[in-house]
């Protein structure tokens, strides 16, 4: 992968880690509920695993279907989906909620997978994933896509982990109610922007 591509993947991962809807806020809530930093730290890798699963599904689909023609169709289709999904997130007032806070680790991983999928985490990487294709190198596109998913999730995990620990130890959830800005809107705008870029590159 080119340095610019790696930087893009890492920045998107960091952005996902920054977004409380991607899991760190839930990890903090679990830690505060049980007054246990260990429970918070135990939750973070499981949340990252669910996020990785969501992104990897998109990477596998792109890797397996990406011929020269399919890749172009996928880029156009993916761009349209990104713009549409981003506009829906931007205009919608609905928020995905999970009833109850006492979940097993497997349930937490499933929640993370669903939340990441609902927020279009894998879709955001479509410009990078479709750019990995070259005629006759579909296998490299698949392995490269999985590497992108892993690198992206690592950046998400590090950023989310740092924020979760700082919030748990210093700020607490009460500060977030007063100070946190609407990352959902920023996330939706980023989806629309990525969709436009994908369509331009197609």
Protein backbone atom coordinates (compact mmCIF):
# COMPACT_ATOMS: atom_id res chain seq x y z
CA UNK A 1 0.00 0.00 0.00
CA UNK A 2 1.11 3.55 -0.71
CA UNK A 3 1.95 5.81 2.27
CA UNK A 4 -1.01 8.04 1.38
CA UNK A 5 -3.32 5.01 1.44
CA UNK A 6 -1.96 3.86 4.79
CA UNK A 7 -2.38 7.35 6.23
CA UNK A 8 -5.97 7.49 4.96
CA UNK A 9 -6.79 4.11 6.51
CA UNK A 10 -5.26 5.13 9.84
CA UNK A 11 -7.04 8.48 9.89
CA UNK A 12 -10.40 6.85 9.18
CA UNK A 13 -9.70 4.35 11.93
CA UNK A 14 -8.83 7.16 14.32
CA UNK A 15 -12.04 8.96 13.35
CA UNK A 16 -14.08 5.84 14.06
CA UNK A 17 -12.31 5.49 17.40
CA UNK A 18 -13.18 9.09 18.22
CA UNK A 19 -16.88 8.51 17.53
CA UNK A 20 -18.64 7.48 20.78
CA UNK A 21 -21.25 5.57 18.76
CA UNK A 22 -18.53 3.12 17.68
CA UNK A 23 -18.10 1.79 21.20
CA UNK A 24 -15.85 3.68 23.61
CA UNK A 25 -18.80 5.39 25.30
CA UNK A 26 -20.42 2.01 25.90
CA UNK A 27 -17.16 0.64 27.34
CA UNK A 28 -16.96 3.61 29.71
CA UNK A 29 -20.59 3.11 30.76
CA UNK A 30 -19.92 -0.55 31.56
CA UNK A 31 -16.85 0.39 33.56
CA UNK A 32 -18.68 3.08 35.53
CA UNK A 33 -21.66 0.81 36.13
CA UNK A 34 -19.50 -1.80 37.84
CA UNK A 35 -16.91 0.74 39.07
CA UNK A 36 -14.27 -1.36 37.37
CA UNK A 37 -11.53 -0.14 35.07
CA UNK A 38 -10.72 -3.79 34.36
CA UNK A 39 -14.20 -4.27 32.90
CA UNK A 40 -13.70 -1.21 30.70
CA UNK A 41 -10.34 -2.51 29.45
CA UNK A 42 -11.86 -5.95 28.88
CA UNK A 43 -14.63 -4.44 26.77
CA UNK A 44 -12.41 -2.49 24.36
CA UNK A 45 -10.79 -5.38 22.40
CA UNK A 46 -14.18 -7.09 22.09
CA UNK A 47 -15.69 -3.91 20.66
CA UNK A 48 -12.74 -3.67 18.26
CA UNK A 49 -13.33 -7.29 17.21
CA UNK A 50 -16.94 -6.53 16.28
CA UNK A 51 -15.79 -3.46 14.35
CA UNK A 52 -13.18 -5.53 12.53
CA UNK A 53 -15.83 -8.08 11.56
CA UNK A 54 -18.05 -5.38 10.06
CA UNK A 55 -15.22 -3.83 8.03
CA UNK A 56 -13.83 -7.24 6.99
CA UNK A 57 -17.17 -8.26 5.49
CA UNK A 58 -17.03 -5.27 3.16
CA UNK A 59 -13.35 -5.94 2.39
CA UNK A 60 -14.06 -9.59 1.51
CA UNK A 61 -16.99 -8.71 -0.75
CA UNK A 62 -14.90 -6.11 -2.56
CA UNK A 63 -11.92 -8.47 -2.79
CA UNK A 64 -13.96 -11.36 -4.23
CA UNK A 65 -15.99 -9.37 -6.75
CA UNK A 66 -13.38 -6.91 -7.95
CA UNK A 67 -12.62 -7.60 -11.59
CA UNK A 68 -11.84 -4.57 -13.76
CA UNK A 69 -15.50 -4.25 -14.81
CA UNK A 70 -16.93 -5.33 -11.46
CA UNK A 71 -14.61 -2.96 -9.65
CA UNK A 72 -15.92 -0.02 -11.68
CA UNK A 73 -19.54 -1.04 -11.13
CA UNK A 74 -18.78 -1.57 -7.45
CA UNK A 75 -17.17 1.86 -7.20
CA UNK A 76 -20.19 3.55 -8.76
CA UNK A 77 -22.65 1.49 -6.71
CA UNK A 78 -20.60 1.98 -3.56
CA UNK A 79 -20.41 5.72 -4.16
CA UNK A 80 -24.18 5.94 -4.55
CA UNK A 81 -24.68 3.85 -1.38
CA UNK A 82 -22.23 6.05 0.54
CA UNK A 83 -23.94 9.27 -0.51
CA UNK A 84 -27.40 7.84 0.14
CA UNK A 85 -26.45 6.36 3.51
CA UNK A 86 -24.67 9.54 4.54
CA UNK A 87 -27.67 11.68 3.61
CA UNK A 88 -29.96 9.33 5.52
CA UNK A 89 -27.74 9.54 8.62
CA UNK A 90 -27.53 13.32 8.19
CA UNK A 91 -31.28 13.84 7.92
CA UNK A 92 -32.48 11.08 10.24
CA UNK A 93 -33.21 11.75 13.88
CA UNK A 94 -33.24 8.08 14.76
CA UNK A 95 -30.47 6.62 16.90
CA UNK A 96 -29.72 2.97 17.37
CA UNK A 97 -30.11 2.00 21.02
CA UNK A 98 -29.34 -1.18 22.96
CA UNK A 99 -31.69 -1.94 25.82
CA UNK A 100 -29.85 -2.88 29.01
CA UNK A 101 -26.18 -2.57 29.89
CA UNK A 102 -25.34 -6.04 31.20
CA UNK A 103 -24.09 -7.93 28.17
CA UNK A 104 -21.75 -10.88 27.79
CA UNK A 105 -18.56 -10.34 25.80
CA UNK A 106 -20.07 -12.16 22.81
CA UNK A 107 -23.15 -9.96 22.97
CA UNK A 108 -20.89 -6.91 23.17
CA UNK A 109 -19.00 -8.05 20.06
CA UNK A 110 -22.33 -8.54 18.26
CA UNK A 111 -23.48 -5.09 19.33
CA UNK A 112 -20.26 -3.56 18.02
CA UNK A 113 -20.65 -5.40 14.68
CA UNK A 114 -24.22 -4.13 14.29
CA UNK A 115 -23.37 -0.55 15.30
CA UNK A 116 -20.37 -0.42 12.98
CA UNK A 117 -22.44 -1.81 10.12
CA UNK A 118 -25.32 0.57 10.85
CA UNK A 119 -22.93 3.53 10.79
CA UNK A 120 -21.36 2.38 7.51
CA UNK A 121 -17.86 1.76 8.89
CA UNK A 122 -16.85 -0.55 6.04
CA UNK A 123 -18.51 1.64 3.43
CA UNK A 124 -16.21 4.50 4.37
CA UNK A 125 -13.24 2.43 3.18
CA UNK A 126 -14.69 1.71 -0.28
CA UNK A 127 -12.46 4.29 -2.05
CA UNK A 128 -9.39 2.52 -0.60
CA UNK A 129 -10.65 -1.04 -1.14
CA UNK A 130 -11.71 -0.55 -4.74
CA UNK A 131 -8.37 1.15 -5.43
CA UNK A 132 -6.52 -2.09 -4.54
CA UNK A 133 -7.74 -3.88 -7.67
CA UNK A 134 -5.60 -4.56 -10.70
CA UNK A 135 -6.41 -6.99 -13.56
CA UNK A 136 -5.44 -10.55 -12.60
CA UNK A 137 -4.58 -9.67 -9.00
CA UNK A 138 -7.88 -10.34 -7.25
CA UNK A 139 -6.14 -12.44 -4.59
CA UNK A 140 -3.88 -9.53 -3.73
CA UNK A 141 -6.95 -7.28 -3.54
CA UNK A 142 -8.54 -9.68 -1.04
CA UNK A 143 -5.46 -9.96 1.18
CA UNK A 144 -4.82 -6.23 0.83
CA UNK A 145 -8.42 -5.51 1.79
CA UNK A 146 -8.12 -7.63 4.92
CA UNK A 147 -4.86 -5.84 5.78
CA UNK A 148 -6.69 -2.52 5.36
CA UNK A 149 -9.45 -3.75 7.69
CA UNK A 150 -6.90 -4.84 10.32
CA UNK A 151 -4.88 -1.61 10.13
CA UNK A 152 -8.02 0.49 10.25
CA UNK A 153 -9.34 -1.38 13.30
CA UNK A 154 -6.00 -1.09 15.10
CA UNK A 155 -6.13 2.71 14.77
CA UNK A 156 -9.76 2.69 15.92
CA UNK A 157 -8.87 0.51 18.92
CA UNK A 158 -5.95 2.71 20.04
CA UNK A 159 -7.90 5.99 19.81
CA UNK A 160 -11.04 4.54 21.40
CA UNK A 161 -8.97 3.02 24.19
CA UNK A 162 -7.19 6.25 25.03
CA UNK A 163 -10.44 8.23 25.06
CA UNK A 164 -12.25 5.61 27.14
CA UNK A 165 -9.56 5.52 29.83
CA UNK A 166 -9.25 9.32 29.98
CA UNK A 167 -13.01 9.77 30.23
CA UNK A 168 -13.32 7.06 32.86
CA UNK A 169 -10.45 8.34 34.99
CA UNK A 170 -10.82 12.10 34.58
CA UNK A 171 -13.96 13.41 33.00
CA UNK A 172 -16.84 11.02 33.64
CA UNK A 173 -20.02 10.87 31.61
CA UNK A 174 -21.46 14.08 33.08
CA UNK A 175 -18.88 16.16 31.19
CA UNK A 176 -19.87 14.53 27.90
CA UNK A 177 -23.50 15.59 28.33
CA UNK A 178 -22.35 19.23 28.42
CA UNK A 179 -19.31 19.33 26.16
CA UNK A 180 -19.55 16.68 23.43
CA UNK A 181 -20.40 17.84 19.92
CA UNK A 182 -22.47 15.90 17.43
CA UNK A 183 -20.10 13.42 15.80
CA UNK A 184 -23.04 11.66 14.15
CA UNK A 185 -23.50 14.67 11.86
CA UNK A 186 -19.78 14.88 11.11
CA UNK A 187 -19.77 11.14 10.39
CA UNK A 188 -22.70 11.50 7.97
CA UNK A 189 -20.99 14.36 6.13
CA UNK A 190 -17.80 12.27 5.90
CA UNK A 191 -19.81 9.41 4.36
CA UNK A 192 -21.26 11.75 1.73
CA UNK A 193 -17.79 13.13 1.00
CA UNK A 194 -16.30 9.65 0.62
CA UNK A 195 -19.18 8.71 -1.69
CA UNK A 196 -18.53 11.71 -3.91
CA UNK A 197 -14.80 10.85 -4.05
CA UNK A 198 -15.64 7.24 -4.95
CA UNK A 199 -17.94 8.35 -7.78
CA UNK A 200 -15.34 10.80 -9.14
CA UNK A 201 -12.66 8.06 -9.14
CA UNK A 202 -14.94 5.44 -10.77
